[in-house]
Structure formats: C-alpha cells, structure tokens
N, C-alpha and C. Protein backbone atom coordinates (compact mmCIF):
# COMPACT_ATOMS: atom_id res chain seq x y z
N MET A 1 7.29 0.25 -7.81
CA MET A 1 6.00 0.14 -8.47
C MET A 1 5.94 1.24 -9.55
N ASN A 2 5.49 0.85 -10.72
CA ASN A 2 5.45 1.82 -11.81
C ASN A 2 4.16 2.65 -11.77
N TRP A 3 4.08 3.62 -12.66
CA TRP A 3 2.98 4.57 -12.69
C TRP A 3 1.64 3.89 -12.91
N SER A 4 1.58 2.95 -13.86
CA SER A 4 0.31 2.28 -14.18
C SER A 4 -0.18 1.44 -13.00
N ALA A 5 0.74 0.79 -12.32
CA ALA A 5 0.35 -0.02 -11.16
C ALA A 5 -0.18 0.87 -10.04
N SER A 6 0.40 2.04 -9.88
CA SER A 6 -0.08 2.98 -8.85
C SER A 6 -1.49 3.47 -9.17
N ILE A 7 -1.73 3.78 -10.44
CA ILE A 7 -3.07 4.22 -10.87
C ILE A 7 -4.09 3.11 -10.63
N ARG A 8 -3.72 1.88 -10.99
CA ARG A 8 -4.62 0.74 -10.82
C ARG A 8 -4.94 0.51 -9.34
N GLN A 9 -3.92 0.60 -8.48
CA GLN A 9 -4.12 0.42 -7.03
C GLN A 9 -5.00 1.54 -6.46
N ALA A 10 -4.78 2.77 -6.90
CA ALA A 10 -5.61 3.89 -6.44
C ALA A 10 -7.05 3.70 -6.89
N HIS A 11 -7.25 3.20 -8.10
CA HIS A 11 -8.60 2.94 -8.62
C HIS A 11 -9.32 1.91 -7.75
N ARG A 12 -8.60 0.86 -7.36
CA ARG A 12 -9.20 -0.14 -6.47
C ARG A 12 -9.58 0.46 -5.12
N GLY A 13 -8.70 1.26 -4.56
CA GLY A 13 -8.99 1.90 -3.27
C GLY A 13 -10.17 2.85 -3.35
N LEU A 14 -10.23 3.60 -4.43
CA LEU A 14 -11.35 4.52 -4.62
C LEU A 14 -12.67 3.77 -4.78
N SER A 15 -12.63 2.63 -5.45
CA SER A 15 -13.87 1.86 -5.62
C SER A 15 -14.36 1.31 -4.28
N ILE A 16 -13.43 0.92 -3.42
CA ILE A 16 -13.83 0.47 -2.08
C ILE A 16 -14.42 1.62 -1.29
N LEU A 17 -13.78 2.78 -1.34
CA LEU A 17 -14.29 3.96 -0.64
C LEU A 17 -15.67 4.35 -1.15
N PHE A 18 -15.85 4.36 -2.46
CA PHE A 18 -17.15 4.69 -3.06
C PHE A 18 -18.22 3.71 -2.58
N THR A 19 -17.90 2.42 -2.58
CA THR A 19 -18.87 1.40 -2.17
C THR A 19 -19.25 1.57 -0.70
N VAL A 20 -18.28 1.86 0.15
CA VAL A 20 -18.56 2.05 1.58
C VAL A 20 -19.45 3.27 1.80
N ILE A 21 -19.18 4.35 1.09
CA ILE A 21 -20.00 5.56 1.24
C ILE A 21 -21.43 5.31 0.81
N VAL A 22 -21.60 4.68 -0.36
CA VAL A 22 -22.95 4.41 -0.86
C VAL A 22 -23.68 3.43 0.05
N ALA A 23 -22.99 2.39 0.52
CA ALA A 23 -23.61 1.44 1.44
C ALA A 23 -24.01 2.12 2.75
N GLY A 24 -23.19 3.05 3.23
CA GLY A 24 -23.52 3.79 4.44
C GLY A 24 -24.76 4.64 4.28
N ILE A 25 -24.90 5.25 3.11
CA ILE A 25 -26.10 6.06 2.84
C ILE A 25 -27.34 5.18 2.83
N PHE A 26 -27.25 4.04 2.13
CA PHE A 26 -28.39 3.13 2.09
C PHE A 26 -28.71 2.55 3.47
N LEU A 27 -27.68 2.28 4.26
CA LEU A 27 -27.89 1.76 5.62
C LEU A 27 -28.62 2.80 6.47
N ALA A 28 -28.19 4.05 6.36
CA ALA A 28 -28.85 5.12 7.12
C ALA A 28 -30.31 5.26 6.70
N LEU A 29 -30.56 5.18 5.39
CA LEU A 29 -31.95 5.27 4.92
C LEU A 29 -32.77 4.06 5.36
N GLY A 30 -32.14 2.89 5.39
CA GLY A 30 -32.84 1.68 5.83
C GLY A 30 -33.19 1.71 7.30
N LEU A 31 -32.37 2.40 8.09
CA LEU A 31 -32.65 2.52 9.52
C LEU A 31 -33.65 3.63 9.83
N GLY A 32 -34.12 4.30 8.80
CA GLY A 32 -35.13 5.33 8.99
C GLY A 32 -34.57 6.70 9.27
N ARG A 33 -33.26 6.86 9.13
CA ARG A 33 -32.65 8.17 9.37
C ARG A 33 -32.49 8.90 8.04
N GLN A 34 -32.76 10.16 8.05
CA GLN A 34 -32.59 10.98 6.85
C GLN A 34 -31.27 11.74 6.99
N PRO A 35 -30.25 11.35 6.19
CA PRO A 35 -28.97 12.07 6.30
C PRO A 35 -29.08 13.50 5.79
N ALA A 36 -28.11 14.31 6.15
CA ALA A 36 -28.08 15.70 5.68
C ALA A 36 -27.91 15.71 4.16
N GLU A 37 -28.31 16.79 3.54
CA GLU A 37 -28.26 16.90 2.08
C GLU A 37 -26.84 16.70 1.54
N TRP A 38 -25.81 17.21 2.23
CA TRP A 38 -24.44 17.15 1.74
C TRP A 38 -23.91 15.73 1.70
N VAL A 39 -24.50 14.82 2.46
CA VAL A 39 -24.04 13.43 2.49
C VAL A 39 -24.24 12.78 1.13
N TYR A 40 -25.26 13.19 0.41
CA TYR A 40 -25.52 12.60 -0.91
C TYR A 40 -24.48 13.01 -1.95
N PHE A 41 -23.73 14.06 -1.66
CA PHE A 41 -22.68 14.50 -2.57
C PHE A 41 -21.33 13.83 -2.29
N LEU A 42 -21.19 13.13 -1.17
CA LEU A 42 -19.93 12.49 -0.81
C LEU A 42 -19.43 11.48 -1.85
N PRO A 43 -20.29 10.65 -2.46
CA PRO A 43 -19.76 9.68 -3.42
C PRO A 43 -19.25 10.31 -4.72
N LEU A 44 -19.55 11.56 -4.97
CA LEU A 44 -19.18 12.17 -6.25
C LEU A 44 -17.67 12.38 -6.40
N PHE A 45 -16.97 12.69 -5.32
CA PHE A 45 -15.53 12.92 -5.41
C PHE A 45 -14.78 11.63 -5.78
N PRO A 46 -14.99 10.51 -5.06
CA PRO A 46 -14.31 9.29 -5.49
C PRO A 46 -14.78 8.83 -6.86
N LEU A 47 -16.03 9.08 -7.19
CA LEU A 47 -16.53 8.68 -8.50
C LEU A 47 -15.84 9.45 -9.63
N ALA A 48 -15.60 10.73 -9.43
CA ALA A 48 -14.91 11.53 -10.44
C ALA A 48 -13.46 11.06 -10.61
N LEU A 49 -12.81 10.75 -9.50
CA LEU A 49 -11.44 10.23 -9.59
C LEU A 49 -11.40 8.85 -10.23
N MET A 50 -12.42 8.03 -9.94
CA MET A 50 -12.50 6.71 -10.58
C MET A 50 -12.73 6.84 -12.07
N MET A 51 -13.51 7.83 -12.49
CA MET A 51 -13.74 8.03 -13.91
C MET A 51 -12.43 8.40 -14.61
N ALA A 52 -11.65 9.29 -13.99
CA ALA A 52 -10.39 9.71 -14.58
C ALA A 52 -9.40 8.54 -14.66
N SER A 53 -9.27 7.78 -13.59
CA SER A 53 -8.33 6.66 -13.61
C SER A 53 -8.82 5.54 -14.51
N GLY A 54 -10.13 5.34 -14.58
CA GLY A 54 -10.68 4.32 -15.46
C GLY A 54 -10.47 4.67 -16.93
N LEU A 55 -10.65 5.93 -17.28
CA LEU A 55 -10.39 6.35 -18.66
C LEU A 55 -8.92 6.22 -19.00
N TYR A 56 -8.05 6.50 -18.05
CA TYR A 56 -6.61 6.33 -18.27
C TYR A 56 -6.29 4.86 -18.53
N MET A 57 -6.83 3.96 -17.70
CA MET A 57 -6.56 2.54 -17.88
C MET A 57 -7.18 2.01 -19.17
N PHE A 58 -8.32 2.56 -19.57
CA PHE A 58 -8.96 2.15 -20.81
C PHE A 58 -8.12 2.56 -22.03
N ALA A 59 -7.56 3.76 -21.99
CA ALA A 59 -6.81 4.28 -23.14
C ALA A 59 -5.37 3.78 -23.18
N LEU A 60 -4.85 3.30 -22.06
CA LEU A 60 -3.44 2.92 -21.98
C LEU A 60 -3.01 1.90 -23.04
N PRO A 61 -3.74 0.81 -23.26
CA PRO A 61 -3.28 -0.15 -24.28
C PRO A 61 -3.28 0.43 -25.69
N HIS A 62 -4.19 1.36 -25.96
CA HIS A 62 -4.26 1.96 -27.29
C HIS A 62 -3.14 2.97 -27.52
N VAL A 63 -2.74 3.66 -26.48
CA VAL A 63 -1.69 4.66 -26.60
C VAL A 63 -0.32 3.99 -26.68
N ARG A 64 -0.13 2.92 -25.93
CA ARG A 64 1.14 2.22 -25.90
C ARG A 64 1.42 1.40 -27.16
N LYS A 65 0.39 1.11 -27.93
CA LYS A 65 0.56 0.24 -29.09
C LYS A 65 1.51 0.89 -30.09
N GLN A 66 2.55 0.16 -30.45
CA GLN A 66 3.54 0.63 -31.41
C GLN A 66 3.12 0.26 -32.84
N PRO A 67 3.51 1.03 -33.83
CA PRO A 67 3.21 0.64 -35.22
C PRO A 67 3.91 -0.69 -35.55
N GLY A 68 3.19 -1.57 -36.19
CA GLY A 68 3.73 -2.88 -36.53
C GLY A 68 3.67 -3.86 -35.38
N ASP A 69 3.00 -3.49 -34.31
CA ASP A 69 2.90 -4.34 -33.12
C ASP A 69 1.58 -5.13 -33.13
N GLU A 70 0.92 -5.20 -34.26
CA GLU A 70 -0.37 -5.88 -34.36
C GLU A 70 -0.17 -7.39 -34.36
N ARG A 71 -1.04 -8.06 -33.67
CA ARG A 71 -0.98 -9.52 -33.59
C ARG A 71 -2.07 -10.12 -34.47
N ALA A 72 -1.77 -11.25 -35.07
CA ALA A 72 -2.74 -11.91 -35.94
C ALA A 72 -3.70 -12.73 -35.15
C-alpha cells in the first residue's frame, strides 16, 4: 500500500472515531448525564488529525500535476 492510500485509510478511521466520540457525548446528554468537562475535548484530537490528512489529500492533485499535463 502506498503513502497516499495509507493517509486516506487513516482519514477514514479517524472520521469513524470522531463520529463515535461525538455520538457518545450526545447520547450521554440525551440520557440526562452531564459528562466531565474533559470529555468535550476528546473529539479535538481526531479532528486535528483529520484536518491535516484532509489538507494533504486536497493539495495532492495540485502538487503532483506536471507541467504540460493539462487536459482539455
């Protein structure tokens, strides 16, 4: 597996982790439980990694483009 595929796979895994954490927080709030303050900071770590990998995937086609490789 190449580098780009690994980044893409990690991005997918991080998005699942982020969704599970946020859903867990909302579930706890829906059940009437008030989570500890630090629980609200849990989604920030996967979100920061997703931002970095997303920016990498966004810029990848522009960086790889060779001169004269333009399509009509």
